[in-house]
């Protein structure tokens, strides 16, 4: 075991994370919620009464992988699937998002059958299908489903309602304080939204549920304040997780509006609900503004850190430069181009599991089409793909060949890490500059100078401590085509109706790589490797013409 790596990983943890891990494991082992075994018998009886052909197959697709199921032989657990099945795929199966994503539209009996089947076959609240993050996502979906039933199919809805109550109790025991970050906010959101629903259904507010709601409101206030920077960005610096946490905060806001209708007057619960209301009303527009800035002209988010190409927020506005100083991004948007650069530390320091080695990396679009892209996020479970996507060479930045910015290890760990020491935008000269120290103490400097139809990039390195060639990388989007007949030092490319050129005095070679616009979706593409064996300096210019 590498004790230095282990020390540099755990020294950033909060005490609640250190203490919380064994405490969480103990609670998972000792505590139970309700009597899911008894409820599973009821679910078995009820699903047998449904007018549904249990032998008609159907297909569910997540993470670009489709599987065919037969209702009578439905599977929920990892032991029932091939060993290579991604855990995240199984999580998505148990989230029940597919109740609302169109895959089972027009099949209400099948939807109800599958919910009852899950209740029947998941009788142990300590199993993997009852892990708190999975429970959190499933609860929100089942509550939405119940709200749409409007009292129809009462025996069936009552069974689902009982299961929701039991899962809510299990989640109350299992809040993920040992993990923190998006997991904890998702737990609190689900617990809050579900408890509000349960109170509304019961028609009365018991002392236990009042205490739970007040606790959730206080914790949500604390976590929303903690997890979002002053500029609106989520502190894990992933546009994908920002999108998910924005959705969480919006659902909390909606549930809290309903809570305000029945919270006892002059109660501590009402006081916390009003604070939460003010906080959500203040933060949601800011969170949406941040997401709009981080959305490419194609309507999809930037792929920094763990992020796939999900739909963002498209807004038409005048050309502008944005330095999102708190969350660590610089964005320049013009009539025909979009440039976004990562200029922030691994974040948060106590849980950087979704961080990549991408400080100084950028993405670039022309006329609404991506030209230079991030490698993306292909898998959480496949160790090789996970490392390939997180490592420094997967991004558009300067580096010493084979020397990582930060010490990434396992799937979600970082030991010794890089840090940004300077960033500044000179609006008078349209120039952005930044400096960082990598894990070895080597200092890198990147300067980007913007003109109407060109971008000049100047990369420098100081205080070398690791042997290797100084290089700078550019990952081309798969749609980019190389124009043949280039002169030495100047290379032309086509994408759509646009031509762009990269000019440099550095040596340049092409190399294949795999781009992941989504989990489980590998796309072959090419990257440019610029190198300078004589000195730690590389300059290049990207210029373009649009028709």
Protein backbone atom coordinates (compact mmCIF):
# COMPACT_ATOMS: atom_id res chain seq x y z
CA UNK A 1 0.00 0.00 0.00
CA UNK A 2 1.20 3.52 -0.86
CA UNK A 3 0.92 5.25 2.54
CA UNK A 4 1.92 8.63 1.10
CA UNK A 5 -0.93 8.44 -1.41
CA UNK A 6 -3.34 7.31 1.31
CA UNK A 7 -2.30 10.17 3.62
CA UNK A 8 -2.70 12.78 0.87
CA UNK A 9 -6.18 11.40 0.19
CA UNK A 10 -7.61 11.17 3.70
CA UNK A 11 -6.03 14.32 5.14
CA UNK A 12 -8.65 16.41 3.33
CA UNK A 13 -11.62 14.51 4.75
CA UNK A 14 -14.08 16.02 7.20
CA UNK A 15 -14.35 14.36 10.64
CA UNK A 16 -17.94 13.47 9.78
CA UNK A 17 -16.64 11.47 6.80
CA UNK A 18 -14.04 9.60 8.85
CA UNK A 19 -16.44 8.80 11.68
CA UNK A 20 -19.39 8.42 9.35
CA UNK A 21 -18.05 5.50 7.32
CA UNK A 22 -17.96 2.87 10.12
CA UNK A 23 -21.14 4.35 11.64
CA UNK A 24 -22.91 4.04 8.27
CA UNK A 25 -21.77 0.41 7.90
CA UNK A 26 -22.97 -0.39 11.42
CA UNK A 27 -26.41 1.13 10.83
CA UNK A 28 -26.78 -0.73 7.53
CA UNK A 29 -26.08 -3.98 9.35
CA UNK A 30 -28.15 -3.49 12.48
CA UNK A 31 -31.12 -1.31 11.57
CA UNK A 32 -34.15 -2.35 9.56
CA UNK A 33 -37.07 -0.34 8.23
CA UNK A 34 -40.60 -1.60 8.62
CA UNK A 35 -41.45 -5.09 7.42
CA UNK A 36 -40.63 -5.30 3.69
CA UNK A 37 -40.96 -9.11 3.90
CA UNK A 38 -44.64 -8.85 4.82
CA UNK A 39 -45.26 -6.18 2.20
CA UNK A 40 -43.66 -8.27 -0.53
CA UNK A 41 -46.35 -10.94 -0.05
CA UNK A 42 -49.07 -8.34 -0.57
CA UNK A 43 -47.32 -7.06 -3.70
CA UNK A 44 -47.12 -10.61 -5.06
CA UNK A 45 -50.87 -11.08 -4.57
CA UNK A 46 -51.74 -7.72 -6.13
CA UNK A 47 -49.59 -8.06 -9.22
CA UNK A 48 -51.20 -11.46 -9.86
CA UNK A 49 -54.53 -9.65 -10.24
CA UNK A 50 -53.33 -7.30 -12.98
CA UNK A 51 -54.68 -7.89 -16.52
CA UNK A 52 -51.23 -8.15 -18.10
CA UNK A 53 -49.60 -10.74 -20.36
CA UNK A 54 -46.48 -11.53 -18.35
CA UNK A 55 -44.68 -13.21 -21.28
CA UNK A 56 -44.64 -10.20 -23.63
CA UNK A 57 -41.04 -8.86 -23.68
CA UNK A 58 -40.10 -5.21 -23.35
CA UNK A 59 -36.83 -3.29 -23.58
CA UNK A 60 -35.19 -0.83 -21.21
CA UNK A 61 -32.18 1.26 -22.22
CA UNK A 62 -29.72 3.17 -20.04
CA UNK A 63 -26.19 4.40 -20.65
CA UNK A 64 -26.41 3.33 -24.31
CA UNK A 65 -27.04 -0.30 -23.38
CA UNK A 66 -30.39 -1.99 -24.01
CA UNK A 67 -31.66 -5.18 -22.39
CA UNK A 68 -34.81 -7.16 -23.06
CA UNK A 69 -36.93 -8.25 -20.12
CA UNK A 70 -39.95 -10.49 -19.63
CA UNK A 71 -42.31 -9.31 -16.84
CA UNK A 72 -42.69 -12.80 -15.40
CA UNK A 73 -38.89 -13.11 -15.04
CA UNK A 74 -37.96 -9.54 -14.10
CA UNK A 75 -34.49 -9.02 -12.60
CA UNK A 76 -33.32 -6.33 -10.19
CA UNK A 77 -30.09 -7.55 -8.55
CA UNK A 78 -26.49 -7.67 -9.83
CA UNK A 79 -26.29 -11.43 -9.21
CA UNK A 80 -28.95 -11.90 -11.90
CA UNK A 81 -26.94 -10.10 -14.60
CA UNK A 82 -23.63 -10.85 -16.36
CA UNK A 83 -20.59 -9.99 -14.24
CA UNK A 84 -19.49 -7.22 -16.62
CA UNK A 85 -22.75 -5.27 -16.20
CA UNK A 86 -21.99 -1.75 -15.01
CA UNK A 87 -23.15 -0.97 -11.49
CA UNK A 88 -24.38 2.41 -12.73
CA UNK A 89 -26.59 0.60 -15.27
CA UNK A 90 -28.14 -1.45 -12.46
CA UNK A 91 -28.58 1.72 -10.43
CA UNK A 92 -30.50 3.27 -13.34
CA UNK A 93 -32.71 0.20 -13.52
CA UNK A 94 -33.58 0.64 -9.84
CA UNK A 95 -33.99 4.44 -10.03
CA UNK A 96 -37.27 4.00 -11.97
CA UNK A 97 -36.57 7.10 -14.09
CA UNK A 98 -37.95 5.00 -16.94
CA UNK A 99 -41.45 5.58 -15.59
CA UNK A 100 -41.20 9.07 -17.08
CA UNK A 101 -38.59 9.03 -19.88
CA UNK A 102 -40.90 7.66 -22.56
CA UNK A 103 -39.68 4.05 -22.60
CA UNK A 104 -42.92 2.65 -21.17
CA UNK A 105 -45.36 5.32 -22.32
CA UNK A 106 -48.85 3.96 -22.88
CA UNK A 107 -48.19 0.91 -20.68
CA UNK A 108 -49.63 1.83 -17.26
CA UNK A 109 -50.33 -1.79 -16.33
CA UNK A 110 -46.74 -2.78 -17.05
CA UNK A 111 -45.46 0.18 -15.01
CA UNK A 112 -47.60 -0.83 -12.04
CA UNK A 113 -46.63 -4.50 -12.42
CA UNK A 114 -42.91 -3.62 -12.34
CA UNK A 115 -43.30 -1.45 -9.24
CA UNK A 116 -45.11 -4.28 -7.45
CA UNK A 117 -42.54 -6.77 -8.73
CA UNK A 118 -39.76 -4.66 -7.24
CA UNK A 119 -41.58 -4.57 -3.88
CA UNK A 120 -42.03 -8.34 -3.96
CA UNK A 121 -38.43 -9.19 -4.87
CA UNK A 122 -36.60 -6.65 -2.70
CA UNK A 123 -37.51 -7.75 0.79
CA UNK A 124 -34.19 -6.92 2.49
CA UNK A 125 -33.60 -3.26 3.27
CA UNK A 126 -29.85 -4.00 3.55
CA UNK A 127 -29.48 -5.11 -0.09
CA UNK A 128 -27.79 -3.18 -2.92
CA UNK A 129 -31.15 -2.08 -4.31
CA UNK A 130 -31.71 -0.30 -1.01
CA UNK A 131 -28.47 1.70 -1.10
CA UNK A 132 -29.29 5.26 -0.03
CA UNK A 133 -28.52 7.03 -3.30
CA UNK A 134 -30.60 4.50 -5.23
CA UNK A 135 -33.41 4.80 -2.69
CA UNK A 136 -33.26 8.59 -3.02
CA UNK A 137 -33.72 8.56 -6.77
CA UNK A 138 -36.42 5.86 -6.66
CA UNK A 139 -38.42 7.63 -3.94
CA UNK A 140 -38.68 10.83 -5.97
CA UNK A 141 -39.92 8.87 -8.99
CA UNK A 142 -42.41 6.77 -7.03
CA UNK A 143 -43.80 9.86 -5.31
CA UNK A 144 -44.33 11.49 -8.71
CA UNK A 145 -46.00 8.32 -9.95
CA UNK A 146 -48.32 8.19 -6.92
CA UNK A 147 -49.22 11.86 -7.35
CA UNK A 148 -50.36 11.11 -10.89
CA UNK A 149 -52.69 8.26 -9.80
CA UNK A 150 -55.24 10.58 -8.16
CA UNK A 151 -56.59 7.83 -5.93
CA UNK A 152 -57.21 5.33 -8.76
CA UNK A 153 -56.39 1.63 -8.23
CA UNK A 154 -56.53 2.17 -4.47
CA UNK A 155 -55.30 -1.29 -3.27
CA UNK A 156 -52.29 -1.07 -5.57
CA UNK A 157 -51.46 2.54 -4.73
CA UNK A 158 -51.78 1.75 -1.03
CA UNK A 159 -49.19 -1.01 -1.35
CA UNK A 160 -46.79 1.33 -3.17
CA UNK A 161 -47.50 4.00 -0.55
CA UNK A 162 -46.50 1.58 2.23
CA UNK A 163 -43.28 0.75 0.41
CA UNK A 164 -42.50 4.46 -0.03
CA UNK A 165 -42.99 4.97 3.70
CA UNK A 166 -40.62 2.09 4.51
CA UNK A 167 -37.97 3.26 2.04
CA UNK A 168 -38.23 6.76 3.47
CA UNK A 169 -37.59 5.35 6.95
CA UNK A 170 -34.56 3.42 5.65
CA UNK A 171 -33.18 6.56 4.03
CA UNK A 172 -33.65 8.44 7.31
CA UNK A 173 -31.23 5.94 8.87
CA UNK A 174 -28.78 6.01 5.95
CA UNK A 175 -28.04 9.65 5.08
CA UNK A 176 -24.64 9.61 3.38
CA UNK A 177 -22.64 11.96 5.59
CA UNK A 178 -19.60 9.78 4.95
CA UNK A 179 -19.77 10.67 1.23
CA UNK A 180 -21.15 14.22 1.38
CA UNK A 181 -21.52 16.30 -1.82
CA UNK A 182 -24.22 15.40 -4.38
CA UNK A 183 -25.08 12.14 -2.61
CA UNK A 184 -26.03 13.91 0.62
CA UNK A 185 -28.00 16.64 -1.14
CA UNK A 186 -29.88 14.00 -3.14
CA UNK A 187 -30.62 12.07 0.09
CA UNK A 188 -31.98 15.17 1.82
CA UNK A 189 -34.02 16.18 -1.20
CA UNK A 190 -35.68 12.76 -1.42
CA UNK A 191 -36.32 12.57 2.32
CA UNK A 192 -37.83 16.06 2.36
CA UNK A 193 -40.00 15.65 -0.76
CA UNK A 194 -41.24 12.22 0.32
CA UNK A 195 -42.03 13.26 3.89
CA UNK A 196 -44.05 16.26 2.66
CA UNK A 197 -45.97 13.83 0.43
CA UNK A 198 -46.59 11.39 3.29
CA UNK A 199 -47.91 14.17 5.54
CA UNK A 200 -50.24 15.38 2.79
CA UNK A 201 -51.56 11.86 2.27
CA UNK A 202 -52.05 11.28 6.00
CA UNK A 203 -53.84 14.60 6.45
CA UNK A 204 -52.01 15.26 9.71
CA UNK A 205 -48.51 16.17 10.87
CA UNK A 206 -47.22 13.76 13.52
CA UNK A 207 -44.48 14.79 15.93
CA UNK A 208 -42.01 12.36 14.31
CA UNK A 209 -42.59 13.68 10.80
CA UNK A 210 -42.50 17.29 12.00
CA UNK A 211 -39.08 16.64 13.53
CA UNK A 212 -37.89 14.95 10.33
CA UNK A 213 -39.08 17.82 8.16
CA UNK A 214 -37.44 20.41 10.39
CA UNK A 215 -34.19 18.44 10.36
CA UNK A 216 -34.27 18.14 6.55
CA UNK A 217 -35.03 21.84 6.12
CA UNK A 218 -32.09 22.83 8.34
CA UNK A 219 -29.72 20.45 6.57
CA UNK A 220 -30.91 21.50 3.12
CA UNK A 221 -30.28 25.14 4.00
CA UNK A 222 -26.76 24.25 5.13
CA UNK A 223 -25.99 22.05 2.12
CA UNK A 224 -27.35 24.47 -0.49
CA UNK A 225 -25.25 27.23 1.02
CA UNK A 226 -22.20 24.96 1.09
CA UNK A 227 -22.52 23.20 -2.25
CA UNK A 228 -23.06 26.17 -4.55
CA UNK A 229 -20.42 28.81 -5.16
CA UNK A 230 -21.19 32.53 -5.14
CA UNK A 231 -21.31 32.53 -8.96
CA UNK A 232 -23.94 29.76 -8.93
CA UNK A 233 -21.81 26.75 -9.88
CA UNK A 234 -22.03 23.46 -7.98
CA UNK A 235 -18.86 22.84 -5.98
CA UNK A 236 -18.03 19.53 -7.70
CA UNK A 237 -17.33 21.63 -10.83
CA UNK A 238 -19.15 19.19 -13.10
CA UNK A 239 -21.83 20.71 -15.36
CA UNK A 240 -23.60 17.32 -15.31
CA UNK A 241 -23.86 17.20 -11.53
CA UNK A 242 -24.73 20.89 -11.47
CA UNK A 243 -27.68 20.04 -13.72
CA UNK A 244 -28.80 17.24 -11.37
CA UNK A 245 -28.40 19.37 -8.24
CA UNK A 246 -30.32 22.22 -9.88
CA UNK A 247 -33.17 19.78 -10.46
CA UNK A 248 -32.91 18.70 -6.81
CA UNK A 249 -33.10 22.26 -5.50
CA UNK A 250 -36.07 23.03 -7.77
CA UNK A 251 -37.98 19.99 -6.47
CA UNK A 252 -37.16 21.02 -2.89
CA UNK A 253 -38.56 24.46 -3.64
CA UNK A 254 -41.82 22.98 -4.95
CA UNK A 255 -42.23 20.65 -1.95
CA UNK A 256 -41.40 23.47 0.45
CA UNK A 257 -44.18 25.61 -1.02
CA UNK A 258 -46.62 22.85 -0.09
CA UNK A 259 -45.05 22.51 3.36
CA UNK A 260 -45.70 26.19 4.02
CA UNK A 261 -49.43 25.47 3.62
CA UNK A 262 -49.60 23.08 6.61
CA UNK A 263 -46.63 23.91 8.87
CA UNK A 264 -47.96 24.88 12.33
CA UNK A 265 -48.06 28.66 12.95
CA UNK A 266 -45.21 30.04 15.07
CA UNK A 267 -43.43 26.67 14.89
CA UNK A 268 -39.71 26.15 14.41
CA UNK A 269 -40.60 24.13 11.30
CA UNK A 270 -42.38 27.11 9.75
CA UNK A 271 -39.39 29.33 10.50
CA UNK A 272 -36.99 26.92 8.77
CA UNK A 273 -39.36 26.50 5.82
CA UNK A 274 -39.45 30.27 5.30
CA UNK A 275 -35.64 30.46 5.37
CA UNK A 276 -35.50 27.60 2.86
CA UNK A 277 -38.07 29.35 0.67
CA UNK A 278 -36.01 32.54 0.56
CA UNK A 279 -32.82 30.62 -0.14
CA UNK A 280 -34.31 28.62 -3.02
CA UNK A 281 -35.97 31.65 -4.59
CA UNK A 282 -32.63 33.46 -4.44
CA UNK A 283 -30.40 30.62 -5.68
CA UNK A 284 -32.40 28.91 -8.43
CA UNK A 285 -32.14 31.79 -10.95
CA UNK A 286 -28.39 32.04 -10.25
CA UNK A 287 -27.95 28.29 -10.73
CA UNK A 288 -29.82 28.47 -14.03
CA UNK A 289 -27.71 31.42 -15.18
CA UNK A 290 -24.52 29.47 -14.46
CA UNK A 291 -25.78 26.49 -16.43
CA UNK A 292 -26.69 28.73 -19.37
CA UNK A 293 -23.15 30.13 -19.44
CA UNK A 294 -21.72 26.58 -19.42
CA UNK A 295 -23.94 25.42 -22.31
CA UNK A 296 -22.44 25.18 -25.80
CA UNK A 297 -24.32 26.65 -28.78
CA UNK A 298 -25.45 23.08 -29.64
CA UNK A 299 -27.58 23.18 -26.47
CA UNK A 300 -25.47 20.61 -24.58
CA UNK A 301 -23.31 21.22 -21.52
CA UNK A 302 -19.52 21.41 -21.44
CA UNK A 303 -17.86 18.11 -20.51
CA UNK A 304 -15.53 19.14 -17.70
CA UNK A 305 -14.80 16.62 -14.96
CA UNK A 306 -17.42 13.84 -14.86
CA UNK A 307 -19.90 15.07 -17.45
CA UNK A 308 -21.74 13.69 -20.45
CA UNK A 309 -23.44 15.73 -23.16
CA UNK A 310 -26.74 16.40 -21.45
CA UNK A 311 -29.07 19.19 -22.50
CA UNK A 312 -28.27 22.47 -20.76
CA UNK A 313 -30.01 25.85 -20.98
CA UNK A 314 -29.76 27.62 -24.34
CA UNK A 315 -30.06 31.37 -24.36
CA UNK A 316 -29.38 33.84 -27.11
CA UNK A 317 -27.47 36.84 -25.91
CA UNK A 318 -24.88 39.34 -26.95
CA UNK A 319 -21.20 38.34 -27.17
CA UNK A 320 -19.63 38.39 -23.73
CA UNK A 321 -16.73 37.19 -21.59
CA UNK A 322 -17.40 35.50 -18.25
CA UNK A 323 -14.86 34.76 -15.55
CA UNK A 324 -16.67 32.49 -13.14
CA UNK A 325 -14.11 33.11 -10.46
CA UNK A 326 -15.67 31.10 -7.63
CA UNK A 327 -16.30 27.90 -9.59
CA UNK A 328 -13.19 28.29 -11.74
CA UNK A 329 -14.23 28.63 -15.39
CA UNK A 330 -13.62 31.20 -18.10
CA UNK A 331 -16.11 31.53 -20.98
CA UNK A 332 -15.99 33.64 -24.12
CA UNK A 333 -19.06 33.69 -26.34
CA UNK A 334 -19.17 35.50 -29.71
CA UNK A 335 -21.58 35.46 -32.64
CA UNK A 336 -19.81 32.48 -34.25
CA UNK A 337 -17.66 30.90 -31.51
CA UNK A 338 -17.77 29.54 -27.98
CA UNK A 339 -14.69 28.98 -25.79
CA UNK A 340 -14.74 27.61 -22.25
CA UNK A 341 -11.72 26.84 -20.05
CA UNK A 342 -11.36 25.08 -16.70
CA UNK A 343 -9.32 27.17 -14.25
CA UNK A 344 -10.27 25.77 -10.84
CA UNK A 345 -8.87 23.33 -8.29
CA UNK A 346 -10.08 19.76 -7.65
CA UNK A 347 -13.30 20.39 -5.76
CA UNK A 348 -14.53 20.06 -3.14
CA UNK A 349 -11.26 19.34 -1.35
CA UNK A 350 -12.92 16.77 0.94
CA UNK A 351 -14.72 14.91 -1.90
CA UNK A 352 -13.15 15.42 -5.36
CA UNK A 353 -14.31 12.03 -6.63
CA UNK A 354 -15.74 13.45 -9.87
CA UNK A 355 -12.66 15.57 -10.64
CA UNK A 356 -10.46 15.01 -13.70
CA UNK A 357 -6.92 16.29 -14.32
CA UNK A 358 -8.26 19.10 -16.52
CA UNK A 359 -6.90 22.38 -15.11
CA UNK A 360 -6.15 24.68 -18.10
CA UNK A 361 -8.15 22.49 -20.49
CA UNK A 362 -10.68 24.09 -22.85
CA UNK A 363 -13.47 23.26 -25.27
CA UNK A 364 -14.20 25.17 -28.46
CA UNK A 365 -17.21 25.43 -30.79
CA UNK A 366 -17.64 27.20 -34.13
CA UNK A 367 -20.99 28.05 -35.74
CA UNK A 368 -22.74 25.83 -33.22
CA UNK A 369 -20.52 22.77 -33.82
CA UNK A 370 -17.95 21.38 -31.41
CA UNK A 371 -14.42 21.47 -32.81
CA UNK A 372 -12.19 20.80 -29.79
CA UNK A 373 -13.68 18.57 -27.12
CA UNK A 374 -13.00 17.01 -23.76
CA UNK A 375 -12.58 13.22 -23.76
CA UNK A 376 -15.73 12.98 -21.64
CA UNK A 377 -16.86 10.28 -19.21
CA UNK A 378 -17.24 6.72 -20.46
CA UNK A 379 -17.58 4.60 -17.32
CA UNK A 380 -17.44 4.62 -13.55
CA UNK A 381 -16.74 0.90 -13.21
CA UNK A 382 -14.38 -0.06 -16.05
CA UNK A 383 -11.01 0.84 -14.50
CA UNK A 384 -9.21 1.34 -17.82
CA UNK A 385 -11.85 3.63 -19.33
CA UNK A 386 -12.21 5.48 -16.03
CA UNK A 387 -8.49 6.22 -15.85
CA UNK A 388 -8.26 7.16 -19.53
CA UNK A 389 -10.99 9.77 -19.09
CA UNK A 390 -9.63 11.25 -15.85
CA UNK A 391 -5.93 11.41 -16.73
CA UNK A 392 -4.16 14.59 -17.83
CA UNK A 393 -3.56 13.41 -21.41
CA UNK A 394 -7.35 13.19 -21.93
CA UNK A 395 -7.63 16.99 -21.93
CA UNK A 396 -6.59 20.04 -23.98
CA UNK A 397 -3.73 21.42 -21.94
CA UNK A 398 0.06 21.60 -21.53
CA UNK A 399 1.84 18.81 -19.63
CA UNK A 400 4.99 16.77 -19.26
CA UNK A 401 4.30 13.56 -21.11
CA UNK A 402 3.14 10.80 -18.69
CA UNK A 403 3.20 13.14 -15.65
CA UNK A 404 -0.25 13.58 -14.07
CA UNK A 405 -1.45 16.94 -12.75
CA UNK A 406 -2.91 15.24 -9.68
CA UNK A 407 -2.45 11.76 -8.27
CA UNK A 408 -5.69 10.11 -9.43
CA UNK A 409 -6.22 6.56 -8.26
CA UNK A 410 -8.97 3.97 -7.94
CA UNK A 411 -12.20 5.20 -9.53
CA UNK A 412 -12.95 8.20 -7.32
CA UNK A 413 -9.78 9.05 -5.39
CA UNK A 414 -7.22 11.83 -5.59
CA UNK A 415 -4.05 11.95 -3.48
CA UNK A 416 -1.55 14.76 -3.97
CA UNK A 417 -3.23 17.34 -6.13
CA UNK A 418 -2.68 20.30 -8.44
CA UNK A 419 -3.79 23.80 -7.54
CA UNK A 420 -4.41 27.06 -9.37
CA UNK A 421 -2.24 29.94 -8.13
CA UNK A 422 -3.30 32.71 -10.52
CA UNK A 423 -6.05 33.57 -12.99
CA UNK A 424 -6.91 36.91 -14.53
CA UNK A 425 -8.83 38.30 -17.49
CA UNK A 426 -7.57 41.53 -19.07
CA UNK A 427 -10.75 42.86 -20.70
CA UNK A 428 -8.92 45.75 -22.38
CA UNK A 429 -6.69 43.41 -24.39
CA UNK A 430 -9.01 40.36 -24.49
CA UNK A 431 -6.40 38.24 -22.78
CA UNK A 432 -6.89 35.50 -20.20
CA UNK A 433 -3.96 34.13 -18.21
CA UNK A 434 -3.58 31.55 -15.49
CA UNK A 435 -0.94 29.57 -13.62
CA UNK A 436 -1.05 26.30 -11.71
CA UNK A 437 1.23 24.01 -9.72
CA UNK A 438 0.97 20.29 -10.41
CA UNK A 439 1.42 17.57 -7.78
CA UNK A 440 5.21 17.71 -8.27
CA UNK A 441 5.43 21.48 -7.74
CA UNK A 442 6.02 22.24 -11.43
CA UNK A 443 4.53 25.56 -12.51
CA UNK A 444 2.53 25.85 -15.73
CA UNK A 445 1.36 29.06 -17.33
CA UNK A 446 -1.24 29.41 -20.08
CA UNK A 447 -2.06 32.67 -21.82
CA UNK A 448 -4.97 32.96 -24.27
CA UNK A 449 -5.32 36.03 -26.49
CA UNK A 450 -8.60 36.52 -28.33
CA UNK A 451 -9.18 38.34 -31.63
CA UNK A 452 -12.28 38.51 -33.84
CA UNK A 453 -11.50 35.30 -35.76
CA UNK A 454 -8.56 33.79 -33.93
CA UNK A 455 -7.29 32.55 -30.60
CA UNK A 456 -3.60 32.52 -29.72
CA UNK A 457 -2.48 30.11 -26.99
CA UNK A 458 0.90 30.42 -25.26
CA UNK A 459 1.95 27.58 -22.94
CA UNK A 460 4.97 27.71 -20.63
CA UNK A 461 6.42 25.49 -17.90
CA UNK A 462 8.82 26.41 -15.08
CA UNK A 463 10.60 24.61 -12.23
CA UNK A 464 10.79 21.25 -13.99
CA UNK A 465 11.10 18.30 -11.61
CA UNK A 466 10.02 15.41 -13.82
CA UNK A 467 11.73 14.11 -16.96
CA UNK A 468 9.76 13.89 -20.17
CA UNK A 469 8.76 15.87 -23.24
CA UNK A 470 6.82 19.11 -22.83
CA UNK A 471 3.64 18.78 -24.91
CA UNK A 472 0.30 20.51 -25.48
CA UNK A 473 -2.80 18.58 -26.53
CA UNK A 474 -5.84 19.30 -28.68
CA UNK A 475 -8.62 16.71 -28.97
CA UNK A 476 -10.57 17.12 -32.21
CA UNK A 477 -14.27 16.34 -32.37
CA UNK A 478 -15.04 13.26 -34.52
CA UNK A 479 -16.85 15.42 -37.09
CA UNK A 480 -13.72 17.47 -37.77
CA UNK A 481 -12.10 16.60 -41.12
CA UNK A 482 -8.46 17.22 -41.97
CA UNK A 483 -7.87 19.23 -45.16
CA UNK A 484 -5.10 17.55 -47.17
CA UNK A 485 -2.15 19.46 -48.61
CA UNK A 486 -1.21 21.31 -45.46
CA UNK A 487 2.07 23.14 -45.28
CA UNK A 488 4.50 22.38 -42.42
CA UNK A 489 3.45 24.25 -39.29
CA UNK A 490 -0.07 24.96 -40.52
CA UNK A 491 -2.98 22.52 -40.56
CA UNK A 492 -6.49 23.15 -41.87
CA UNK A 493 -9.71 21.44 -40.82
CA UNK A 494 -13.34 21.47 -41.93
CA UNK A 495 -16.45 21.11 -39.83
CA UNK A 496 -19.86 21.84 -41.29
CA UNK A 497 -19.58 24.98 -43.41
CA UNK A 498 -16.65 26.27 -41.42
CA UNK A 499 -12.89 25.97 -41.91
CA UNK A 500 -10.38 26.50 -39.13
CA UNK A 501 -6.61 26.41 -39.08
CA UNK A 502 -4.02 25.62 -36.42
CA UNK A 503 -0.63 27.22 -36.94
CA UNK A 504 2.40 26.46 -34.76
CA UNK A 505 6.18 26.33 -34.82
CA UNK A 506 6.11 23.28 -32.53
CA UNK A 507 6.33 19.72 -33.77
CA UNK A 508 2.90 18.24 -34.36
CA UNK A 509 1.67 14.68 -34.70
CA UNK A 510 -1.74 13.05 -34.87
CA UNK A 511 -2.83 10.24 -32.57
CA UNK A 512 -6.08 8.37 -32.18
CA UNK A 513 -8.18 8.59 -29.01
CA UNK A 514 -11.68 7.62 -27.87
CA UNK A 515 -14.25 10.31 -27.15
CA UNK A 516 -17.17 9.58 -24.81
CA UNK A 517 -20.13 11.92 -25.33
CA UNK A 518 -22.06 9.64 -22.98
CA UNK A 519 -21.54 6.63 -20.73
CA UNK A 520 -20.94 3.50 -22.77
CA UNK A 521 -20.71 5.40 -26.07
CA UNK A 522 -17.13 5.29 -27.42
CA UNK A 523 -16.41 7.30 -30.59
CA UNK A 524 -13.06 7.16 -32.37
CA UNK A 525 -11.43 10.52 -33.06
CA UNK A 526 -8.02 12.14 -33.42
CA UNK A 527 -5.99 14.44 -31.22
CA UNK A 528 -3.06 16.72 -31.98
CA UNK A 529 0.09 16.47 -29.88
CA UNK A 530 2.29 19.56 -30.08
CA UNK A 531 5.79 19.14 -28.66
CA UNK A 532 8.95 21.15 -28.11
CA UNK A 533 12.11 19.22 -27.18
CA UNK A 534 14.29 22.33 -27.03
CA UNK A 535 12.44 24.42 -24.45
CA UNK A 536 9.33 24.47 -22.21
CA UNK A 537 7.40 26.77 -24.55
CA UNK A 538 4.65 26.00 -27.08
CA UNK A 539 2.61 28.56 -29.01
CA UNK A 540 -0.21 27.97 -31.46
CA UNK A 541 -2.95 29.98 -33.14
CA UNK A 542 -6.46 28.79 -33.98
CA UNK A 543 -8.02 30.90 -36.73
CA UNK A 544 -11.24 30.40 -38.67
CA UNK A 545 -13.46 31.45 -41.53
CA UNK A 546 -17.22 31.08 -41.55
CA UNK A 547 -19.38 31.14 -44.66
